[in-house]
Amino acid sequence: MKCSEFLKELTDYLDGEIDERTKAELEEHLQWCHNCYVVCNTTQRTIEIYRDSKLYELPDDLRTRLRSAIITKCQGHKNATPER
């Protein structure tokens, strides 16, 4: 399974709305792909935070640095090499 295929199924996986075969393939992918593991874990934790309905205020300097890092990372993906 390629990372792009994993990401297409991530929402259904996290919602538990996926067939057992695909679930097993996704979980096998998570065993060896650190990047997808981080994306999955971070997304799952983000969902949990929002479900708790807690608002976390970020200091302005941290918000600015985070936004800048995200923009830089996204721009880097446009020039990235093809997936494995």
PDB file of N, CA and C in Angstrom:
ATOM      1  N   MET A   1       0.849  -1.180   0.000  1.00  0.00           N
ATOM      2  CA  MET A   1       0.000   0.000   0.000  1.00  0.00           C
ATOM      3  C   MET A   1       0.894   1.242   0.000  1.00  0.00           C
ATOM      4  N   LYS A   2       0.567   2.186  -0.845  1.00  0.00           N
ATOM      5  CA  LYS A   2       1.281   3.459  -0.891  1.00  0.00           C
ATOM      6  C   LYS A   2       0.691   4.416   0.135  1.00  0.00           C
ATOM      7  N   CYS A   3       1.480   5.401   0.498  1.00  0.00           N
ATOM      8  CA  CYS A   3       1.030   6.399   1.472  1.00  0.00           C
ATOM      9  C   CYS A   3      -0.221   7.131   0.976  1.00  0.00           C
ATOM     10  N   SER A   4      -0.275   7.428  -0.304  1.00  0.00           N
ATOM     11  CA  SER A   4      -1.438   8.141  -0.844  1.00  0.00           C
ATOM     12  C   SER A   4      -2.709   7.307  -0.687  1.00  0.00           C
ATOM     13  N   GLU A   5      -2.595   5.992  -0.853  1.00  0.00           N
ATOM     14  CA  GLU A   5      -3.752   5.115  -0.652  1.00  0.00           C
ATOM     15  C   GLU A   5      -4.166   5.101   0.816  1.00  0.00           C
ATOM     16  N   PHE A   6      -3.172   5.082   1.700  1.00  0.00           N
ATOM     17  CA  PHE A   6      -3.457   5.117   3.134  1.00  0.00           C
ATOM     18  C   PHE A   6      -4.233   6.391   3.485  1.00  0.00           C
ATOM     19  N   LEU A   7      -3.742   7.517   2.996  1.00  0.00           N
ATOM     20  CA  LEU A   7      -4.366   8.801   3.330  1.00  0.00           C
ATOM     21  C   LEU A   7      -5.799   8.902   2.809  1.00  0.00           C
ATOM     22  N   LYS A   8      -6.082   8.266   1.672  1.00  0.00           N
ATOM     23  CA  LYS A   8      -7.442   8.276   1.132  1.00  0.00           C
ATOM     24  C   LYS A   8      -8.417   7.543   2.049  1.00  0.00           C
ATOM     25  N   GLU A   9      -7.913   6.555   2.783  1.00  0.00           N
ATOM     26  CA  GLU A   9      -8.760   5.737   3.652  1.00  0.00           C
ATOM     27  C   GLU A   9      -8.740   6.191   5.113  1.00  0.00           C
ATOM     28  N   LEU A  10      -7.905   7.177   5.438  1.00  0.00           N
ATOM     29  CA  LEU A  10      -7.693   7.557   6.836  1.00  0.00           C
ATOM     30  C   LEU A  10      -8.970   7.953   7.561  1.00  0.00           C
ATOM     31  N   THR A  11      -9.795   8.764   6.956  1.00  0.00           N
ATOM     32  CA  THR A  11     -11.023   9.213   7.614  1.00  0.00           C
ATOM     33  C   THR A  11     -11.931   8.042   7.957  1.00  0.00           C
ATOM     34  N   ASP A  12     -12.153   7.163   7.000  1.00  0.00           N
ATOM     35  CA  ASP A  12     -12.996   6.000   7.259  1.00  0.00           C
ATOM     36  C   ASP A  12     -12.374   5.096   8.322  1.00  0.00           C
ATOM     37  N   TYR A  13     -11.052   4.970   8.295  1.00  0.00           N
ATOM     38  CA  TYR A  13     -10.352   4.160   9.296  1.00  0.00           C
ATOM     39  C   TYR A  13     -10.578   4.724  10.698  1.00  0.00           C
ATOM     40  N   LEU A  14     -10.382   6.015  10.856  1.00  0.00           N
ATOM     41  CA  LEU A  14     -10.546   6.644  12.170  1.00  0.00           C
ATOM     42  C   LEU A  14     -11.998   6.621  12.630  1.00  0.00           C
ATOM     43  N   ASP A  15     -12.928   6.658  11.689  1.00  0.00           N
ATOM     44  CA  ASP A  15     -14.353   6.605  12.030  1.00  0.00           C
ATOM     45  C   ASP A  15     -14.842   5.178  12.261  1.00  0.00           C
ATOM     46  N   GLY A  16     -13.982   4.188  11.986  1.00  0.00           N
ATOM     47  CA  GLY A  16     -14.371   2.788  12.144  1.00  0.00           C
ATOM     48  C   GLY A  16     -15.342   2.310  11.083  1.00  0.00           C
ATOM     49  N   GLU A  17     -15.356   2.988   9.943  1.00  0.00           N
ATOM     50  CA  GLU A  17     -16.280   2.663   8.856  1.00  0.00           C
ATOM     51  C   GLU A  17     -15.509   2.079   7.671  1.00  0.00           C
ATOM     52  N   ILE A  18     -14.812   0.983   7.935  1.00  0.00           N
ATOM     53  CA  ILE A  18     -13.971   0.388   6.909  1.00  0.00           C
ATOM     54  C   ILE A  18     -14.053  -1.132   7.034  1.00  0.00           C
ATOM     55  N   ASP A  19     -13.965  -1.814   5.909  1.00  0.00           N
ATOM     56  CA  ASP A  19     -14.057  -3.277   5.956  1.00  0.00           C
ATOM     57  C   ASP A  19     -12.789  -3.864   6.591  1.00  0.00           C
ATOM     58  N   GLU A  20     -12.897  -5.070   7.081  1.00  0.00           N
ATOM     59  CA  GLU A  20     -11.811  -5.713   7.830  1.00  0.00           C
ATOM     60  C   GLU A  20     -10.546  -5.902   6.993  1.00  0.00           C
ATOM     61  N   ARG A  21     -10.691  -6.232   5.724  1.00  0.00           N
ATOM     62  CA  ARG A  21      -9.526  -6.432   4.856  1.00  0.00           C
ATOM     63  C   ARG A  21      -8.736  -5.135   4.700  1.00  0.00           C
ATOM     64  N   THR A  22      -9.446  -4.057   4.405  1.00  0.00           N
ATOM     65  CA  THR A  22      -8.784  -2.758   4.237  1.00  0.00           C
ATOM     66  C   THR A  22      -8.185  -2.301   5.563  1.00  0.00           C
ATOM     67  N   LYS A  23      -8.895  -2.522   6.649  1.00  0.00           N
ATOM     68  CA  LYS A  23      -8.386  -2.155   7.971  1.00  0.00           C
ATOM     69  C   LYS A  23      -7.059  -2.865   8.244  1.00  0.00           C
ATOM     70  N   ALA A  24      -7.005  -4.157   7.938  1.00  0.00           N
ATOM     71  CA  ALA A  24      -5.781  -4.927   8.153  1.00  0.00           C
ATOM     72  C   ALA A  24      -4.636  -4.375   7.296  1.00  0.00           C
ATOM     73  N   GLU A  25      -4.933  -4.008   6.047  1.00  0.00           N
ATOM     74  CA  GLU A  25      -3.907  -3.435   5.162  1.00  0.00           C
ATOM     75  C   GLU A  25      -3.392  -2.107   5.710  1.00  0.00           C
ATOM     76  N   LEU A  26      -4.301  -1.279   6.197  1.00  0.00           N
ATOM     77  CA  LEU A  26      -3.908   0.015   6.755  1.00  0.00           C
ATOM     78  C   LEU A  26      -3.044  -0.172   7.994  1.00  0.00           C
ATOM     79  N   GLU A  27      -3.438  -1.086   8.862  1.00  0.00           N
ATOM     80  CA  GLU A  27      -2.681  -1.313  10.086  1.00  0.00           C
ATOM     81  C   GLU A  27      -1.311  -1.919   9.789  1.00  0.00           C
ATOM     82  N   GLU A  28      -1.214  -2.738   8.761  1.00  0.00           N
ATOM     83  CA  GLU A  28       0.086  -3.275   8.358  1.00  0.00           C
ATOM     84  C   GLU A  28       0.966  -2.137   7.839  1.00  0.00           C
ATOM     85  N   HIS A  29       0.390  -1.232   7.073  1.00  0.00           N
ATOM     86  CA  HIS A  29       1.124  -0.072   6.560  1.00  0.00           C
ATOM     87  C   HIS A  29       1.654   0.773   7.719  1.00  0.00           C
ATOM     88  N   LEU A  30       0.835   0.949   8.747  1.00  0.00           N
ATOM     89  CA  LEU A  30       1.249   1.742   9.908  1.00  0.00           C
ATOM     90  C   LEU A  30       2.420   1.117  10.657  1.00  0.00           C
ATOM     91  N   GLN A  31       2.580  -0.186  10.542  1.00  0.00           N
ATOM     92  CA  GLN A  31       3.669  -0.879  11.235  1.00  0.00           C
ATOM     93  C   GLN A  31       5.046  -0.483  10.700  1.00  0.00           C
ATOM     94  N   TRP A  32       5.129  -0.162   9.411  1.00  0.00           N
ATOM     95  CA  TRP A  32       6.439   0.148   8.844  1.00  0.00           C
ATOM     96  C   TRP A  32       6.595   1.583   8.360  1.00  0.00           C
ATOM     97  N   CYS A  33       5.495   2.308   8.213  1.00  0.00           N
ATOM     98  CA  CYS A  33       5.583   3.678   7.684  1.00  0.00           C
ATOM     99  C   CYS A  33       5.442   4.698   8.813  1.00  0.00           C
ATOM    100  N   HIS A  34       6.562   5.220   9.232  1.00  0.00           N
ATOM    101  CA  HIS A  34       6.563   6.181  10.341  1.00  0.00           C
ATOM    102  C   HIS A  34       5.768   7.444  10.006  1.00  0.00           C
ATOM    103  N   ASN A  35       5.896   7.945   8.781  1.00  0.00           N
ATOM    104  CA  ASN A  35       5.198   9.180   8.409  1.00  0.00           C
ATOM    105  C   ASN A  35       3.681   9.023   8.512  1.00  0.00           C
ATOM    106  N   CYS A  36       3.152   7.926   7.999  1.00  0.00           N
ATOM    107  CA  CYS A  36       1.705   7.708   8.078  1.00  0.00           C
ATOM    108  C   CYS A  36       1.267   7.455   9.517  1.00  0.00           C
ATOM    109  N   TYR A  37       2.132   6.791  10.302  1.00  0.00           N
ATOM    110  CA  TYR A  37       1.821   6.586  11.715  1.00  0.00           C
ATOM    111  C   TYR A  37       1.667   7.928  12.420  1.00  0.00           C
ATOM    112  N   VAL A  38       2.584   8.843  12.155  1.00  0.00           N
ATOM    113  CA  VAL A  38       2.530  10.167  12.786  1.00  0.00           C
ATOM    114  C   VAL A  38       1.274  10.915  12.352  1.00  0.00           C
ATOM    115  N   VAL A  39       0.955  10.871  11.058  1.00  0.00           N
ATOM    116  CA  VAL A  39      -0.252  11.542  10.556  1.00  0.00           C
ATOM    117  C   VAL A  39      -1.494  10.955  11.217  1.00  0.00           C
ATOM    118  N   CYS A  40      -1.573   9.644  11.276  1.00  0.00           N
ATOM    119  CA  CYS A  40      -2.733   8.972  11.868  1.00  0.00           C
ATOM    120  C   CYS A  40      -2.860   9.312  13.345  1.00  0.00           C
ATOM    121  N   ASN A  41      -1.759   9.199  14.074  1.00  0.00           N
ATOM    122  CA  ASN A  41      -1.767   9.471  15.506  1.00  0.00           C
ATOM    123  C   ASN A  41      -2.128  10.926  15.789  1.00  0.00           C
ATOM    124  N   THR A  42      -1.530  11.832  15.049  1.00  0.00           N
ATOM    125  CA  THR A  42      -1.799  13.261  15.249  1.00  0.00           C
ATOM    126  C   THR A  42      -3.250  13.590  14.917  1.00  0.00           C
ATOM    127  N   THR A  43      -3.763  13.034  13.832  1.00  0.00           N
ATOM    128  CA  THR A  43      -5.155  13.275  13.446  1.00  0.00           C
ATOM    129  C   THR A  43      -6.105  12.737  14.515  1.00  0.00           C
ATOM    130  N   GLN A  44      -5.806  11.531  14.998  1.00  0.00           N
ATOM    131  CA  GLN A  44      -6.648  10.927  16.025  1.00  0.00           C
ATOM    132  C   GLN A  44      -6.650  11.761  17.304  1.00  0.00           C
ATOM    133  N   ARG A  45      -5.495  12.236  17.701  1.00  0.00           N
ATOM    134  CA  ARG A  45      -5.410  13.083  18.909  1.00  0.00           C
ATOM    135  C   ARG A  45      -6.122  14.421  18.705  1.00  0.00           C
ATOM    136  N   THR A  46      -6.003  14.981  17.517  1.00  0.00           N
ATOM    137  CA  THR A  46      -6.685  16.242  17.212  1.00  0.00           C
ATOM    138  C   THR A  46      -8.192  16.059  17.314  1.00  0.00           C
ATOM    139  N   ILE A  47      -8.698  14.968  16.774  1.00  0.00           N
ATOM    140  CA  ILE A  47     -10.132  14.678  16.861  1.00  0.00           C
ATOM    141  C   ILE A  47     -10.556  14.558  18.317  1.00  0.00           C
ATOM    142  N   GLU A  48      -9.753  13.879  19.125  1.00  0.00           N
ATOM    143  CA  GLU A  48     -10.073  13.720  20.545  1.00  0.00           C
ATOM    144  C   GLU A  48     -10.130  15.069  21.261  1.00  0.00           C
ATOM    145  N   ILE A  49      -9.208  15.953  20.928  1.00  0.00           N
ATOM    146  CA  ILE A  49      -9.193  17.283  21.548  1.00  0.00           C
ATOM    147  C   ILE A  49     -10.469  18.035  21.189  1.00  0.00           C
ATOM    148  N   TYR A  50     -10.848  17.998  19.927  1.00  0.00           N
ATOM    149  CA  TYR A  50     -12.054  18.709  19.502  1.00  0.00           C
ATOM    150  C   TYR A  50     -13.318  18.091  20.072  1.00  0.00           C
ATOM    151  N   ARG A  51     -13.315  16.770  20.237  1.00  0.00           N
ATOM    152  CA  ARG A  51     -14.479  16.117  20.841  1.00  0.00           C
ATOM    153  C   ARG A  51     -14.667  16.543  22.287  1.00  0.00           C
ATOM    154  N   ASP A  52     -13.572  16.836  22.967  1.00  0.00           N
ATOM    155  CA  ASP A  52     -13.644  17.300  24.353  1.00  0.00           C
ATOM    156  C   ASP A  52     -14.143  18.736  24.435  1.00  0.00           C
ATOM    157  N   SER A  53     -14.225  19.404  23.291  1.00  0.00           N
ATOM    158  CA  SER A  53     -14.692  20.793  23.189  1.00  0.00           C
ATOM    159  C   SER A  53     -13.876  21.765  24.034  1.00  0.00           C
ATOM    160  N   LYS A  54     -12.618  21.443  24.195  1.00  0.00           N
ATOM    161  CA  LYS A  54     -11.735  22.344  24.932  1.00  0.00           C
ATOM    162  C   LYS A  54     -11.027  23.246  23.933  1.00  0.00           C
ATOM    163  N   LEU A  55     -10.954  24.500  24.247  1.00  0.00           N
ATOM    164  CA  LEU A  55     -10.268  25.453  23.392  1.00  0.00           C
ATOM    165  C   LEU A  55      -8.907  25.751  23.998  1.00  0.00           C
ATOM    166  N   TYR A  56      -7.870  25.537  23.208  1.00  0.00           N
ATOM    167  CA  TYR A  56      -6.518  25.800  23.667  1.00  0.00           C
ATOM    168  C   TYR A  56      -6.006  27.038  22.943  1.00  0.00           C
ATOM    169  N   GLU A  57      -5.821  28.088  23.695  1.00  0.00           N
ATOM    170  CA  GLU A  57      -5.305  29.326  23.116  1.00  0.00           C
ATOM    171  C   GLU A  57      -3.791  29.242  23.003  1.00  0.00           C
ATOM    172  N   LEU A  58      -3.294  29.528  21.819  1.00  0.00           N
ATOM    173  CA  LEU A  58      -1.857  29.553  21.600  1.00  0.00           C
ATOM    174  C   LEU A  58      -1.348  30.984  21.727  1.00  0.00           C
ATOM    175  N   PRO A  59      -0.196  31.142  22.338  1.00  0.00           N
ATOM    176  CA  PRO A  59       0.411  32.483  22.356  1.00  0.00           C
ATOM    177  C   PRO A  59       0.663  32.941  20.924  1.00  0.00           C
ATOM    178  N   ASP A  60       0.582  34.233  20.698  1.00  0.00           N
ATOM    179  CA  ASP A  60       0.726  34.779  19.344  1.00  0.00           C
ATOM    180  C   ASP A  60       2.021  34.343  18.668  1.00  0.00           C
ATOM    181  N   ASP A  61       3.143  34.351  19.405  1.00  0.00           N
ATOM    182  CA  ASP A  61       4.415  33.983  18.783  1.00  0.00           C
ATOM    183  C   ASP A  61       4.425  32.506  18.371  1.00  0.00           C
ATOM    184  N   LEU A  62       3.828  31.639  19.180  1.00  0.00           N
ATOM    185  CA  LEU A  62       3.752  30.228  18.836  1.00  0.00           C
ATOM    186  C   LEU A  62       2.827  30.010  17.646  1.00  0.00           C
ATOM    187  N   ARG A  63       1.703  30.702  17.611  1.00  0.00           N
ATOM    188  CA  ARG A  63       0.776  30.590  16.492  1.00  0.00           C
ATOM    189  C   ARG A  63       1.457  31.021  15.193  1.00  0.00           C
ATOM    190  N   THR A  64       2.222  32.104  15.242  1.00  0.00           N
ATOM    191  CA  THR A  64       2.923  32.602  14.062  1.00  0.00           C
ATOM    192  C   THR A  64       3.974  31.599  13.589  1.00  0.00           C
ATOM    193  N   ARG A  65       4.752  31.037  14.519  1.00  0.00           N
ATOM    194  CA  ARG A  65       5.781  30.050  14.163  1.00  0.00           C
ATOM    195  C   ARG A  65       5.154  28.784  13.598  1.00  0.00           C
ATOM    196  N   LEU A  66       4.060  28.347  14.198  1.00  0.00           N
ATOM    197  CA  LEU A  66       3.383  27.141  13.736  1.00  0.00           C
ATOM    198  C   LEU A  66       2.835  27.342  12.326  1.00  0.00           C
ATOM    199  N   ARG A  67       2.195  28.472  12.107  1.00  0.00           N
ATOM    200  CA  ARG A  67       1.643  28.760  10.775  1.00  0.00           C
ATOM    201  C   ARG A  67       2.747  28.808   9.730  1.00  0.00           C
ATOM    202  N   SER A  68       3.853  29.438  10.069  1.00  0.00           N
ATOM    203  CA  SER A  68       4.982  29.533   9.151  1.00  0.00           C
ATOM    204  C   SER A  68       5.553  28.143   8.849  1.00  0.00           C
ATOM    205  N   ALA A  69       5.664  27.302   9.856  1.00  0.00           N
ATOM    206  CA  ALA A  69       6.191  25.946   9.664  1.00  0.00           C
ATOM    207  C   ALA A  69       5.267  25.127   8.773  1.00  0.00           C
ATOM    208  N   ILE A  70       3.984  25.270   8.959  1.00  0.00           N
ATOM    209  CA  ILE A  70       3.019  24.528   8.137  1.00  0.00           C
ATOM    210  C   ILE A  70       3.105  24.970   6.682  1.00  0.00           C
ATOM    211  N   ILE A  71       3.171  26.261   6.462  1.00  0.00           N
ATOM    212  CA  ILE A  71       3.271  26.790   5.094  1.00  0.00           C
ATOM    213  C   ILE A  71       4.560  26.303   4.435  1.00  0.00           C
ATOM    214  N   THR A  72       5.670  26.359   5.154  1.00  0.00           N
ATOM    215  CA  THR A  72       6.947  25.895   4.627  1.00  0.00           C
ATOM    216  C   THR A  72       6.888  24.417   4.279  1.00  0.00           C
ATOM    217  N   LYS A  73       6.301  23.618   5.166  1.00  0.00           N
ATOM    218  CA  LYS A  73       6.188  22.178   4.946  1.00  0.00           C
ATOM    219  C   LYS A  73       5.314  21.888   3.716  1.00  0.00           C
ATOM    220  N   CYS A  74       4.207  22.583   3.595  1.00  0.00           N
ATOM    221  CA  CYS A  74       3.304  22.374   2.454  1.00  0.00           C
ATOM    222  C   CYS A  74       3.983  22.760   1.143  1.00  0.00           C
ATOM    223  N   GLN A  75       4.738  23.815   1.149  1.00  0.00           N
ATOM    224  CA  GLN A  75       5.437  24.227  -0.066  1.00  0.00           C
ATOM    225  C   GLN A  75       6.504  23.213  -0.432  1.00  0.00           C
ATOM    226  N   GLY A  76       7.124  22.588   0.570  1.00  0.00           N
ATOM    227  CA  GLY A  76       8.133  21.561   0.317  1.00  0.00           C
ATOM    228  C   GLY A  76       7.547  20.328  -0.329  1.00  0.00           C
ATOM    229  N   HIS A  77       6.281  20.004   0.005  1.00  0.00           N
ATOM    230  CA  HIS A  77       5.632  18.832  -0.575  1.00  0.00           C
ATOM    231  C   HIS A  77       5.357  19.011  -2.066  1.00  0.00           C
ATOM    232  N   LYS A  78       5.193  20.229  -2.503  1.00  0.00           N
ATOM    233  CA  LYS A  78       4.958  20.468  -3.914  1.00  0.00           C
ATOM    234  C   LYS A  78       6.179  20.078  -4.739  1.00  0.00           C
ATOM    235  N   ASN A  79       7.359  20.177  -4.114  1.00  0.00           N
ATOM    236  CA  ASN A  79       8.612  19.870  -4.815  1.00  0.00           C
ATOM    237  C   ASN A  79       9.188  18.522  -4.406  1.00  0.00           C
ATOM    238  N   ALA A  80       8.431  17.738  -3.658  1.00  0.00           N
ATOM    239  CA  ALA A  80       8.926  16.480  -3.128  1.00  0.00           C
ATOM    240  C   ALA A  80       9.090  15.428  -4.225  1.00  0.00           C
ATOM    241  N   THR A  81       9.903  14.437  -3.906  1.00  0.00           N
ATOM    242  CA  THR A  81      10.086  13.314  -4.826  1.00  0.00           C
ATOM    243  C   THR A  81       8.902  12.384  -4.741  1.00  0.00           C
ATOM    244  N   PRO A  82       8.697  11.534  -5.731  1.00  0.00           N
ATOM    245  CA  PRO A  82       7.552  10.616  -5.726  1.00  0.00           C
ATOM    246  C   PRO A  82       7.582   9.696  -4.520  1.00  0.00           C
ATOM    247  N   GLU A  83       6.399   9.162  -4.172  1.00  0.00           N
ATOM    248  CA  GLU A  83       6.261   8.264  -3.033  1.00  0.00           C
ATOM    249  C   GLU A  83       6.988   6.973  -3.277  1.00  0.00           C
ATOM    250  N   ARG A  84       7.151   6.238  -2.175  1.00  0.00           N
ATOM    251  CA  ARG A  84       7.758   4.910  -2.267  1.00  0.00           C
ATOM    252  C   ARG A  84       6.814   3.960  -2.912  1.00  0.00           C
TER     253      ARG A  84
END
